[in-house]
């Protein structure tokens, strides 16, 4: 039921509303599916939604390790490029969540290193 409502909002072009709704839900899989569906979309969200989403992404990275990196990394990279506002504590927590992933082999480790570096320069 939740996913049906989310896809309806996206189809109506209400991406920000879809994110607001899914961010408020504890279902991480639904959030990851939305991120897969929309691609990196930080520019569609207001400051509060971006802030809440960053907190959720930090939690997902800490709890699932590299399971969703393929979806989360492009989103975070875009958020850094479009210069959304990150609080000091978000930057610190995000770096801490990414740090263990920098030792992963292949593109996951490489992308984690690039993100840590980009976040460190903010």
N, C-alpha and C. Protein backbone atom coordinates (compact mmCIF):
# COMPACT_ATOMS: atom_id res chain seq x y z
N UNK A 1 0.83 -1.20 0.00
CA UNK A 1 0.00 0.00 0.00
C UNK A 1 0.87 1.25 0.00
N UNK A 2 1.92 1.27 0.83
CA UNK A 2 2.80 2.43 0.88
C UNK A 2 3.45 2.68 -0.47
N UNK A 3 4.00 1.60 -1.06
CA UNK A 3 4.71 1.77 -2.33
C UNK A 3 3.76 2.25 -3.43
N UNK A 4 2.53 1.78 -3.43
CA UNK A 4 1.55 2.23 -4.43
C UNK A 4 1.31 3.73 -4.33
N UNK A 5 1.18 4.22 -3.11
CA UNK A 5 0.99 5.65 -2.91
C UNK A 5 2.21 6.46 -3.32
N UNK A 6 3.38 5.91 -3.07
CA UNK A 6 4.63 6.58 -3.44
C UNK A 6 4.76 6.67 -4.96
N UNK A 7 4.51 5.56 -5.64
CA UNK A 7 4.64 5.58 -7.10
C UNK A 7 3.60 6.51 -7.73
N UNK A 8 2.41 6.59 -7.14
CA UNK A 8 1.39 7.50 -7.66
C UNK A 8 1.88 8.95 -7.56
N UNK A 9 2.51 9.30 -6.44
CA UNK A 9 3.04 10.66 -6.29
C UNK A 9 4.12 10.94 -7.32
N UNK A 10 5.02 9.99 -7.55
CA UNK A 10 6.09 10.17 -8.54
C UNK A 10 5.49 10.35 -9.94
N UNK A 11 4.51 9.51 -10.26
CA UNK A 11 3.88 9.60 -11.58
C UNK A 11 3.18 10.94 -11.78
N UNK A 12 2.70 11.54 -10.69
CA UNK A 12 2.06 12.86 -10.77
C UNK A 12 3.10 13.98 -10.78
N UNK A 13 4.37 13.62 -10.73
CA UNK A 13 5.43 14.63 -10.72
C UNK A 13 5.66 15.24 -9.35
N UNK A 14 5.14 14.62 -8.32
CA UNK A 14 5.26 15.13 -6.95
C UNK A 14 6.37 14.38 -6.21
N UNK A 15 7.57 14.50 -6.75
CA UNK A 15 8.73 13.78 -6.21
C UNK A 15 9.01 14.20 -4.77
N UNK A 16 8.95 15.50 -4.49
CA UNK A 16 9.21 15.98 -3.12
C UNK A 16 8.22 15.38 -2.14
N UNK A 17 6.94 15.32 -2.53
CA UNK A 17 5.93 14.73 -1.64
C UNK A 17 6.18 13.24 -1.43
N UNK A 18 6.63 12.56 -2.48
CA UNK A 18 6.94 11.13 -2.36
C UNK A 18 8.07 10.92 -1.35
N UNK A 19 9.11 11.74 -1.44
CA UNK A 19 10.22 11.62 -0.49
C UNK A 19 9.77 11.95 0.93
N UNK A 20 9.00 13.02 1.08
CA UNK A 20 8.53 13.38 2.43
C UNK A 20 7.76 12.23 3.05
N UNK A 21 6.93 11.59 2.25
CA UNK A 21 6.12 10.49 2.77
C UNK A 21 6.98 9.29 3.14
N UNK A 22 7.90 8.93 2.27
CA UNK A 22 8.70 7.73 2.51
C UNK A 22 9.74 7.96 3.62
N UNK A 23 10.24 9.18 3.76
CA UNK A 23 11.19 9.49 4.82
C UNK A 23 10.54 9.32 6.19
N UNK A 24 9.24 9.60 6.25
CA UNK A 24 8.52 9.50 7.52
C UNK A 24 8.22 8.06 7.92
N UNK A 25 8.42 7.12 6.99
CA UNK A 25 8.13 5.71 7.26
C UNK A 25 9.41 4.98 7.65
N UNK A 26 9.29 3.95 8.49
CA UNK A 26 10.49 3.20 8.89
C UNK A 26 10.99 2.21 7.82
N UNK A 27 10.26 2.04 6.75
CA UNK A 27 10.58 1.04 5.72
C UNK A 27 11.75 1.51 4.84
N UNK A 28 12.94 0.99 5.15
CA UNK A 28 14.13 1.39 4.38
C UNK A 28 14.08 0.88 2.95
N UNK A 29 13.51 -0.29 2.74
CA UNK A 29 13.44 -0.83 1.38
C UNK A 29 12.62 0.09 0.46
N UNK A 30 11.57 0.67 1.01
CA UNK A 30 10.72 1.57 0.23
C UNK A 30 11.53 2.83 -0.13
N UNK A 31 12.31 3.33 0.80
CA UNK A 31 13.14 4.49 0.53
C UNK A 31 14.16 4.17 -0.56
N UNK A 32 14.81 3.03 -0.44
CA UNK A 32 15.80 2.63 -1.45
C UNK A 32 15.14 2.47 -2.81
N UNK A 33 13.96 1.89 -2.86
CA UNK A 33 13.23 1.74 -4.13
C UNK A 33 12.91 3.10 -4.74
N UNK A 34 12.50 4.05 -3.90
CA UNK A 34 12.21 5.40 -4.41
C UNK A 34 13.47 6.03 -4.98
N UNK A 35 14.57 5.88 -4.28
CA UNK A 35 15.84 6.43 -4.76
C UNK A 35 16.25 5.79 -6.08
N UNK A 36 15.99 4.49 -6.22
CA UNK A 36 16.28 3.81 -7.49
C UNK A 36 15.37 4.34 -8.60
N UNK A 37 14.13 4.61 -8.25
CA UNK A 37 13.15 5.06 -9.24
C UNK A 37 13.44 6.47 -9.73
N UNK A 38 13.75 7.38 -8.80
CA UNK A 38 13.94 8.78 -9.18
C UNK A 38 15.37 9.11 -9.56
N UNK A 39 16.31 8.26 -9.16
CA UNK A 39 17.71 8.64 -9.31
C UNK A 39 18.02 9.73 -8.29
N UNK A 40 19.25 10.25 -8.33
CA UNK A 40 19.60 11.29 -7.36
C UNK A 40 18.70 12.52 -7.53
N UNK A 41 18.00 12.89 -6.47
CA UNK A 41 17.00 13.96 -6.59
C UNK A 41 17.08 15.00 -5.47
N UNK A 42 18.27 15.30 -4.93
CA UNK A 42 18.29 16.25 -3.81
C UNK A 42 17.76 17.63 -4.18
N UNK A 43 17.87 18.01 -5.45
CA UNK A 43 17.41 19.34 -5.85
C UNK A 43 15.88 19.46 -5.81
N UNK A 44 15.18 18.32 -5.76
CA UNK A 44 13.72 18.33 -5.69
C UNK A 44 13.21 18.50 -4.26
N UNK A 45 14.11 18.38 -3.28
CA UNK A 45 13.69 18.37 -1.88
C UNK A 45 14.01 19.69 -1.19
N UNK A 46 13.19 20.03 -0.21
CA UNK A 46 13.49 21.22 0.59
C UNK A 46 14.59 20.87 1.61
N UNK A 47 15.09 21.88 2.29
CA UNK A 47 16.21 21.69 3.21
C UNK A 47 15.88 20.68 4.31
N UNK A 48 14.67 20.75 4.86
CA UNK A 48 14.30 19.84 5.93
C UNK A 48 14.25 18.39 5.44
N UNK A 49 13.67 18.18 4.26
CA UNK A 49 13.59 16.82 3.71
C UNK A 49 14.97 16.28 3.41
N UNK A 50 15.84 17.11 2.83
CA UNK A 50 17.21 16.67 2.57
C UNK A 50 17.91 16.30 3.87
N UNK A 51 17.72 17.11 4.89
CA UNK A 51 18.35 16.85 6.17
C UNK A 51 17.87 15.52 6.77
N UNK A 52 16.57 15.31 6.73
CA UNK A 52 16.01 14.06 7.26
C UNK A 52 16.48 12.86 6.43
N UNK A 53 16.57 13.06 5.12
CA UNK A 53 17.02 11.97 4.26
C UNK A 53 18.48 11.63 4.53
N UNK A 54 19.31 12.64 4.71
CA UNK A 54 20.73 12.39 5.01
C UNK A 54 20.84 11.55 6.28
N UNK A 55 20.06 11.89 7.30
CA UNK A 55 20.07 11.11 8.55
C UNK A 55 19.68 9.66 8.28
N UNK A 56 18.66 9.44 7.45
CA UNK A 56 18.23 8.07 7.12
C UNK A 56 19.33 7.33 6.37
N UNK A 57 19.99 8.02 5.44
CA UNK A 57 21.05 7.37 4.66
C UNK A 57 22.23 7.00 5.56
N UNK A 58 22.55 7.87 6.51
CA UNK A 58 23.62 7.54 7.46
C UNK A 58 23.24 6.26 8.21
N UNK A 59 22.01 6.20 8.68
CA UNK A 59 21.55 5.01 9.41
C UNK A 59 21.62 3.76 8.53
N UNK A 60 21.18 3.87 7.29
CA UNK A 60 21.21 2.72 6.38
C UNK A 60 22.66 2.27 6.15
N UNK A 61 23.56 3.22 5.92
CA UNK A 61 24.96 2.86 5.71
C UNK A 61 25.55 2.18 6.94
N UNK A 62 25.18 2.65 8.12
CA UNK A 62 25.71 2.07 9.35
C UNK A 62 25.14 0.68 9.61
N UNK A 63 23.89 0.46 9.22
CA UNK A 63 23.23 -0.80 9.57
C UNK A 63 23.34 -1.88 8.50
N UNK A 64 23.46 -1.49 7.24
CA UNK A 64 23.49 -2.51 6.19
C UNK A 64 24.84 -2.60 5.49
N UNK A 65 25.78 -1.78 5.93
CA UNK A 65 27.10 -1.72 5.30
C UNK A 65 26.96 -1.41 3.81
N UNK A 66 27.43 -2.29 2.92
CA UNK A 66 27.48 -1.90 1.51
C UNK A 66 26.31 -2.42 0.68
N UNK A 67 25.27 -2.90 1.32
CA UNK A 67 24.15 -3.48 0.59
C UNK A 67 23.50 -2.52 -0.40
N UNK A 68 23.38 -1.25 -0.03
CA UNK A 68 22.67 -0.29 -0.88
C UNK A 68 23.58 0.82 -1.42
N UNK A 69 24.88 0.61 -1.40
CA UNK A 69 25.82 1.64 -1.83
C UNK A 69 25.58 2.08 -3.27
N UNK A 70 25.19 1.16 -4.13
CA UNK A 70 24.95 1.48 -5.53
C UNK A 70 23.85 2.51 -5.74
N UNK A 71 22.95 2.61 -4.78
CA UNK A 71 21.87 3.60 -4.83
C UNK A 71 22.23 4.83 -4.01
N UNK A 72 22.82 4.62 -2.85
CA UNK A 72 23.10 5.73 -1.93
C UNK A 72 24.27 6.60 -2.40
N UNK A 73 25.34 5.99 -2.90
CA UNK A 73 26.52 6.77 -3.28
C UNK A 73 26.21 7.81 -4.37
N UNK A 74 25.52 7.46 -5.45
CA UNK A 74 25.22 8.49 -6.46
C UNK A 74 24.36 9.63 -5.89
N UNK A 75 23.46 9.27 -4.99
CA UNK A 75 22.61 10.29 -4.38
C UNK A 75 23.46 11.25 -3.55
N UNK A 76 24.34 10.69 -2.69
CA UNK A 76 25.19 11.54 -1.87
C UNK A 76 26.14 12.37 -2.71
N UNK A 77 26.68 11.78 -3.75
CA UNK A 77 27.58 12.50 -4.64
C UNK A 77 26.88 13.70 -5.27
N UNK A 78 25.65 13.50 -5.72
CA UNK A 78 24.86 14.59 -6.30
C UNK A 78 24.56 15.64 -5.25
N UNK A 79 24.22 15.21 -4.04
CA UNK A 79 23.92 16.16 -2.96
C UNK A 79 25.13 17.06 -2.68
N UNK A 80 26.32 16.48 -2.72
CA UNK A 80 27.54 17.27 -2.52
C UNK A 80 27.74 18.24 -3.69
N UNK A 81 27.53 17.75 -4.91
CA UNK A 81 27.74 18.59 -6.11
C UNK A 81 26.78 19.76 -6.17
N UNK A 82 25.53 19.54 -5.79
CA UNK A 82 24.55 20.63 -5.86
C UNK A 82 24.56 21.47 -4.58
N UNK A 83 25.48 21.14 -3.68
CA UNK A 83 25.73 21.90 -2.46
C UNK A 83 24.50 22.05 -1.55
N UNK A 84 23.83 20.92 -1.30
CA UNK A 84 22.78 20.98 -0.30
C UNK A 84 23.44 21.27 1.05
N UNK A 85 22.69 21.78 1.97
CA UNK A 85 23.26 22.11 3.29
C UNK A 85 23.41 20.85 4.14
N UNK A 86 24.62 20.62 4.58
CA UNK A 86 24.90 19.55 5.54
C UNK A 86 25.27 20.22 6.86
N UNK A 87 24.72 19.74 7.96
CA UNK A 87 25.15 20.24 9.27
C UNK A 87 26.51 19.62 9.59
N UNK A 88 27.20 20.23 10.53
CA UNK A 88 28.51 19.71 10.94
C UNK A 88 28.38 18.28 11.46
N UNK A 89 27.32 18.01 12.23
CA UNK A 89 27.16 16.66 12.78
C UNK A 89 26.83 15.66 11.67
N UNK A 90 26.08 16.09 10.66
CA UNK A 90 25.79 15.19 9.53
C UNK A 90 27.07 14.85 8.79
N UNK A 91 27.92 15.85 8.56
CA UNK A 91 29.18 15.60 7.86
C UNK A 91 30.04 14.62 8.66
N UNK A 92 30.09 14.81 9.96
CA UNK A 92 30.88 13.94 10.83
C UNK A 92 30.33 12.52 10.81
N UNK A 93 29.01 12.39 10.97
CA UNK A 93 28.38 11.07 11.01
C UNK A 93 28.46 10.37 9.66
N UNK A 94 28.32 11.14 8.60
CA UNK A 94 28.41 10.56 7.26
C UNK A 94 29.82 10.05 6.99
N UNK A 95 30.82 10.83 7.35
CA UNK A 95 32.20 10.37 7.19
C UNK A 95 32.46 9.11 7.99
N UNK A 96 31.94 9.07 9.22
CA UNK A 96 32.10 7.88 10.07
C UNK A 96 31.41 6.67 9.48
N UNK A 97 30.24 6.87 8.86
CA UNK A 97 29.52 5.76 8.26
C UNK A 97 30.21 5.27 6.99
N UNK A 98 30.84 6.18 6.27
CA UNK A 98 31.51 5.82 5.02
C UNK A 98 32.89 5.21 5.23
N UNK A 99 33.56 5.62 6.30
CA UNK A 99 34.94 5.21 6.53
C UNK A 99 35.15 3.69 6.44
N UNK A 100 34.33 2.86 7.10
CA UNK A 100 34.55 1.41 6.99
C UNK A 100 34.40 0.89 5.55
N UNK A 101 33.64 1.60 4.75
CA UNK A 101 33.42 1.15 3.37
C UNK A 101 34.60 1.47 2.46
N UNK A 102 35.50 2.34 2.91
CA UNK A 102 36.65 2.71 2.07
C UNK A 102 37.60 1.54 1.87
N UNK A 103 37.52 0.54 2.74
CA UNK A 103 38.41 -0.62 2.60
C UNK A 103 37.78 -1.74 1.78
N UNK A 104 36.54 -1.52 1.31
CA UNK A 104 35.89 -2.52 0.46
C UNK A 104 36.61 -2.59 -0.88
N UNK A 105 36.66 -3.78 -1.49
CA UNK A 105 37.32 -3.89 -2.78
C UNK A 105 36.49 -3.24 -3.90
N UNK A 106 37.18 -2.87 -4.96
CA UNK A 106 36.51 -2.41 -6.17
C UNK A 106 35.87 -1.05 -6.05
N UNK A 107 34.79 -0.87 -6.82
CA UNK A 107 34.18 0.45 -6.94
C UNK A 107 33.56 0.93 -5.64
N UNK A 108 33.08 0.02 -4.79
CA UNK A 108 32.48 0.45 -3.53
C UNK A 108 33.51 1.20 -2.69
N UNK A 109 34.68 0.62 -2.53
CA UNK A 109 35.75 1.28 -1.77
C UNK A 109 36.21 2.57 -2.41
N UNK A 110 36.35 2.55 -3.74
CA UNK A 110 36.79 3.75 -4.47
C UNK A 110 35.78 4.89 -4.31
N UNK A 111 34.50 4.56 -4.47
CA UNK A 111 33.46 5.59 -4.36
C UNK A 111 33.36 6.10 -2.93
N UNK A 112 33.50 5.22 -1.95
CA UNK A 112 33.46 5.64 -0.55
C UNK A 112 34.61 6.61 -0.27
N UNK A 113 35.80 6.32 -0.80
CA UNK A 113 36.95 7.21 -0.61
C UNK A 113 36.68 8.57 -1.23
N UNK A 114 36.12 8.58 -2.44
CA UNK A 114 35.81 9.86 -3.10
C UNK A 114 34.80 10.67 -2.31
N UNK A 115 33.78 9.98 -1.77
CA UNK A 115 32.77 10.67 -0.97
C UNK A 115 33.36 11.23 0.32
N UNK A 116 34.18 10.45 0.99
CA UNK A 116 34.82 10.91 2.23
C UNK A 116 35.65 12.16 1.92
N UNK A 117 36.39 12.13 0.81
CA UNK A 117 37.20 13.27 0.43
C UNK A 117 36.33 14.48 0.11
N UNK A 118 35.26 14.27 -0.66
CA UNK A 118 34.36 15.38 -1.04
C UNK A 118 33.69 15.97 0.19
N UNK A 119 33.27 15.12 1.11
CA UNK A 119 32.60 15.58 2.32
C UNK A 119 33.58 16.34 3.20
N UNK A 120 34.83 15.87 3.23
CA UNK A 120 35.85 16.53 4.02
C UNK A 120 36.18 17.93 3.52
N UNK A 121 35.90 18.20 2.24
CA UNK A 121 36.21 19.51 1.68
C UNK A 121 35.05 20.50 1.79
N UNK A 122 33.91 20.04 2.37
CA UNK A 122 32.76 20.94 2.51
C UNK A 122 32.93 21.88 3.69
